[in-house]
Amino acid sequence: MGRVVWQERIVIAPDLHHGDPCIKGTRIPVAMIVGSLADGMTSTQIREAYPQLTEEDIRAALAYAAELRHQEFVAPLPG
């Protein structure tokens, strides 16, 4: 299985959810999807809560987050 092309599924527009990256055709922010996965939700649980999402949408959110990570340094928490 290849990596999904996130550019085909994610839109960033100033008039959509304050310019936050969202899944095309929805107002669902990428950060909500990635955060839900980090909190322990499965992709199935996310799709049940947001039936307009597909598995590819969720993979696109992760691909977007992975690409961002390559582009910027995130400082570790102190301690």
N, C-alpha and C. Protein backbone atom coordinates (compact mmCIF):
# COMPACT_ATOMS: atom_id res chain seq x y z
N MET A 1 0.85 -1.17 0.00
CA MET A 1 0.00 0.00 0.00
C MET A 1 0.90 1.24 0.00
N GLY A 2 0.68 2.13 -0.94
CA GLY A 2 1.49 3.35 -1.02
C GLY A 2 0.91 4.47 -0.18
N ARG A 3 1.73 5.45 0.03
CA ARG A 3 1.29 6.63 0.80
C ARG A 3 0.28 7.42 -0.03
N VAL A 4 -0.78 7.80 0.62
CA VAL A 4 -1.81 8.60 -0.04
C VAL A 4 -1.25 9.99 -0.34
N VAL A 5 -1.67 10.58 -1.44
CA VAL A 5 -1.24 11.93 -1.81
C VAL A 5 -2.16 12.90 -1.06
N TRP A 6 -1.64 13.47 0.01
CA TRP A 6 -2.49 14.29 0.88
C TRP A 6 -3.03 15.52 0.16
N GLN A 7 -2.29 16.03 -0.82
CA GLN A 7 -2.72 17.23 -1.53
C GLN A 7 -4.05 17.02 -2.26
N GLU A 8 -4.40 15.79 -2.54
CA GLU A 8 -5.67 15.49 -3.21
C GLU A 8 -6.84 15.49 -2.24
N ARG A 9 -6.58 15.47 -0.94
CA ARG A 9 -7.65 15.31 0.05
C ARG A 9 -7.71 16.40 1.10
N ILE A 10 -6.70 17.26 1.14
CA ILE A 10 -6.65 18.29 2.19
C ILE A 10 -6.63 19.67 1.54
N VAL A 11 -7.38 20.57 2.12
CA VAL A 11 -7.45 21.94 1.61
C VAL A 11 -7.10 22.90 2.75
N ILE A 12 -6.41 23.97 2.38
CA ILE A 12 -6.11 25.04 3.34
C ILE A 12 -6.62 26.33 2.71
N ALA A 13 -7.68 26.87 3.30
CA ALA A 13 -8.31 28.07 2.77
C ALA A 13 -8.64 29.01 3.93
N PRO A 14 -8.36 30.30 3.77
CA PRO A 14 -8.57 31.24 4.87
C PRO A 14 -10.02 31.31 5.35
N ASP A 15 -10.97 31.03 4.47
CA ASP A 15 -12.38 31.11 4.85
C ASP A 15 -12.94 29.78 5.35
N LEU A 16 -12.10 28.79 5.50
CA LEU A 16 -12.53 27.47 5.97
C LEU A 16 -11.84 27.16 7.29
N HIS A 17 -12.61 27.09 8.34
CA HIS A 17 -12.10 26.73 9.68
C HIS A 17 -10.86 27.53 10.06
N HIS A 18 -10.93 28.86 9.86
CA HIS A 18 -9.86 29.79 10.24
C HIS A 18 -8.54 29.52 9.53
N GLY A 19 -8.59 28.89 8.36
CA GLY A 19 -7.37 28.60 7.61
C GLY A 19 -6.67 27.33 8.02
N ASP A 20 -7.26 26.58 8.96
CA ASP A 20 -6.66 25.30 9.36
C ASP A 20 -6.82 24.28 8.24
N PRO A 21 -5.84 23.41 8.06
CA PRO A 21 -5.99 22.35 7.06
C PRO A 21 -7.18 21.46 7.40
N CYS A 22 -8.04 21.22 6.42
CA CYS A 22 -9.24 20.40 6.60
C CYS A 22 -9.34 19.40 5.46
N ILE A 23 -10.10 18.35 5.70
CA ILE A 23 -10.39 17.38 4.65
C ILE A 23 -11.32 18.05 3.64
N LYS A 24 -10.98 17.92 2.36
CA LYS A 24 -11.79 18.54 1.29
C LYS A 24 -13.24 18.13 1.41
N GLY A 25 -14.12 19.10 1.19
CA GLY A 25 -15.55 18.83 1.22
C GLY A 25 -16.14 18.73 2.60
N THR A 26 -15.31 18.97 3.63
CA THR A 26 -15.78 18.92 5.02
C THR A 26 -15.21 20.13 5.75
N ARG A 27 -15.61 20.27 6.99
CA ARG A 27 -15.00 21.27 7.88
C ARG A 27 -14.21 20.55 8.98
N ILE A 28 -13.78 19.35 8.68
CA ILE A 28 -13.08 18.53 9.67
C ILE A 28 -11.58 18.81 9.58
N PRO A 29 -11.00 19.40 10.64
CA PRO A 29 -9.58 19.74 10.61
C PRO A 29 -8.68 18.50 10.72
N VAL A 30 -7.56 18.59 10.03
CA VAL A 30 -6.55 17.54 10.10
C VAL A 30 -6.11 17.34 11.55
N ALA A 31 -5.95 18.43 12.30
CA ALA A 31 -5.49 18.34 13.69
C ALA A 31 -6.45 17.51 14.54
N MET A 32 -7.75 17.59 14.27
CA MET A 32 -8.71 16.80 15.03
C MET A 32 -8.51 15.32 14.75
N ILE A 33 -8.25 14.97 13.50
CA ILE A 33 -8.05 13.56 13.14
C ILE A 33 -6.77 13.03 13.78
N VAL A 34 -5.68 13.76 13.60
CA VAL A 34 -4.39 13.31 14.16
C VAL A 34 -4.46 13.27 15.68
N GLY A 35 -5.08 14.27 16.29
CA GLY A 35 -5.23 14.29 17.74
C GLY A 35 -6.07 13.13 18.25
N SER A 36 -7.13 12.80 17.54
CA SER A 36 -7.98 11.68 17.94
C SER A 36 -7.20 10.37 17.88
N LEU A 37 -6.39 10.20 16.85
CA LEU A 37 -5.54 9.00 16.77
C LEU A 37 -4.53 8.97 17.91
N ALA A 38 -3.94 10.12 18.22
CA ALA A 38 -2.98 10.20 19.32
C ALA A 38 -3.64 9.90 20.67
N ASP A 39 -4.93 10.23 20.78
CA ASP A 39 -5.67 9.96 22.01
C ASP A 39 -6.12 8.51 22.13
N GLY A 40 -5.86 7.72 21.09
CA GLY A 40 -6.18 6.30 21.17
C GLY A 40 -7.37 5.85 20.35
N MET A 41 -8.04 6.77 19.68
CA MET A 41 -9.15 6.37 18.83
C MET A 41 -8.61 5.61 17.62
N THR A 42 -9.38 4.65 17.15
CA THR A 42 -9.01 3.95 15.92
C THR A 42 -9.60 4.70 14.73
N SER A 43 -9.11 4.39 13.55
CA SER A 43 -9.68 5.03 12.37
C SER A 43 -11.15 4.64 12.21
N THR A 44 -11.50 3.44 12.61
CA THR A 44 -12.90 3.02 12.55
C THR A 44 -13.76 3.88 13.47
N GLN A 45 -13.28 4.14 14.67
CA GLN A 45 -14.02 4.98 15.61
C GLN A 45 -14.18 6.40 15.07
N ILE A 46 -13.13 6.91 14.45
CA ILE A 46 -13.20 8.25 13.88
C ILE A 46 -14.22 8.28 12.75
N ARG A 47 -14.19 7.27 11.89
CA ARG A 47 -15.16 7.22 10.78
C ARG A 47 -16.58 7.04 11.28
N GLU A 48 -16.76 6.34 12.40
CA GLU A 48 -18.10 6.22 12.98
C GLU A 48 -18.59 7.57 13.51
N ALA A 49 -17.69 8.36 14.09
CA ALA A 49 -18.06 9.67 14.61
C ALA A 49 -18.24 10.69 13.48
N TYR A 50 -17.52 10.52 12.40
CA TYR A 50 -17.57 11.42 11.25
C TYR A 50 -17.73 10.58 9.98
N PRO A 51 -18.96 10.13 9.70
CA PRO A 51 -19.18 9.19 8.59
C PRO A 51 -18.80 9.74 7.22
N GLN A 52 -18.64 11.04 7.09
CA GLN A 52 -18.24 11.60 5.79
C GLN A 52 -16.77 11.34 5.49
N LEU A 53 -15.99 10.92 6.48
CA LEU A 53 -14.57 10.62 6.28
C LEU A 53 -14.40 9.21 5.72
N THR A 54 -13.34 9.07 4.94
CA THR A 54 -12.94 7.75 4.44
C THR A 54 -11.61 7.36 5.08
N GLU A 55 -11.24 6.12 4.93
CA GLU A 55 -9.94 5.66 5.42
C GLU A 55 -8.83 6.46 4.75
N GLU A 56 -8.99 6.78 3.47
CA GLU A 56 -7.98 7.55 2.75
C GLU A 56 -7.86 8.97 3.31
N ASP A 57 -8.98 9.55 3.76
CA ASP A 57 -8.93 10.87 4.38
C ASP A 57 -8.06 10.84 5.64
N ILE A 58 -8.25 9.80 6.43
CA ILE A 58 -7.48 9.67 7.68
C ILE A 58 -6.00 9.46 7.36
N ARG A 59 -5.72 8.64 6.37
CA ARG A 59 -4.32 8.42 5.96
C ARG A 59 -3.72 9.72 5.40
N ALA A 60 -4.53 10.51 4.71
CA ALA A 60 -4.05 11.80 4.18
C ALA A 60 -3.68 12.74 5.32
N ALA A 61 -4.49 12.74 6.38
CA ALA A 61 -4.19 13.57 7.55
C ALA A 61 -2.84 13.17 8.16
N LEU A 62 -2.60 11.88 8.25
CA LEU A 62 -1.31 11.41 8.78
C LEU A 62 -0.16 11.74 7.84
N ALA A 63 -0.38 11.61 6.54
CA ALA A 63 0.66 11.93 5.57
C ALA A 63 1.01 13.42 5.63
N TYR A 64 -0.02 14.25 5.80
CA TYR A 64 0.20 15.70 5.93
C TYR A 64 1.03 15.98 7.18
N ALA A 65 0.66 15.37 8.30
CA ALA A 65 1.40 15.57 9.55
C ALA A 65 2.84 15.09 9.41
N ALA A 66 3.04 13.98 8.73
CA ALA A 66 4.39 13.46 8.54
C ALA A 66 5.23 14.41 7.69
N GLU A 67 4.63 14.98 6.66
CA GLU A 67 5.37 15.92 5.82
C GLU A 67 5.71 17.19 6.59
N LEU A 68 4.78 17.67 7.39
CA LEU A 68 5.07 18.84 8.22
C LEU A 68 6.26 18.58 9.14
N ARG A 69 6.30 17.40 9.70
CA ARG A 69 7.39 17.04 10.62
C ARG A 69 8.73 17.12 9.92
N HIS A 70 8.77 16.76 8.65
CA HIS A 70 10.02 16.84 7.90
C HIS A 70 10.41 18.28 7.59
N GLN A 71 9.43 19.18 7.60
CA GLN A 71 9.69 20.56 7.22
C GLN A 71 10.05 21.47 8.38
N GLU A 72 9.68 21.08 9.60
CA GLU A 72 9.96 21.96 10.73
C GLU A 72 10.41 21.16 11.94
N PHE A 73 11.19 21.79 12.77
CA PHE A 73 11.68 21.15 13.99
C PHE A 73 10.71 21.44 15.11
N VAL A 74 10.32 20.41 15.82
CA VAL A 74 9.45 20.56 16.98
C VAL A 74 10.32 20.33 18.21
N ALA A 75 10.43 21.34 19.06
CA ALA A 75 11.27 21.24 20.25
C ALA A 75 10.66 20.27 21.25
N PRO A 76 11.45 19.42 21.88
CA PRO A 76 10.93 18.50 22.89
C PRO A 76 10.47 19.27 24.14
N LEU A 77 9.57 18.67 24.87
CA LEU A 77 9.13 19.26 26.13
C LEU A 77 10.26 19.28 27.14
N PRO A 78 10.36 20.32 27.96
CA PRO A 78 11.43 20.35 28.96
C PRO A 78 11.22 19.27 30.02
N GLY A 79 12.32 18.82 30.56
CA GLY A 79 12.20 17.87 31.66
C GLY A 79 12.69 16.59 31.30
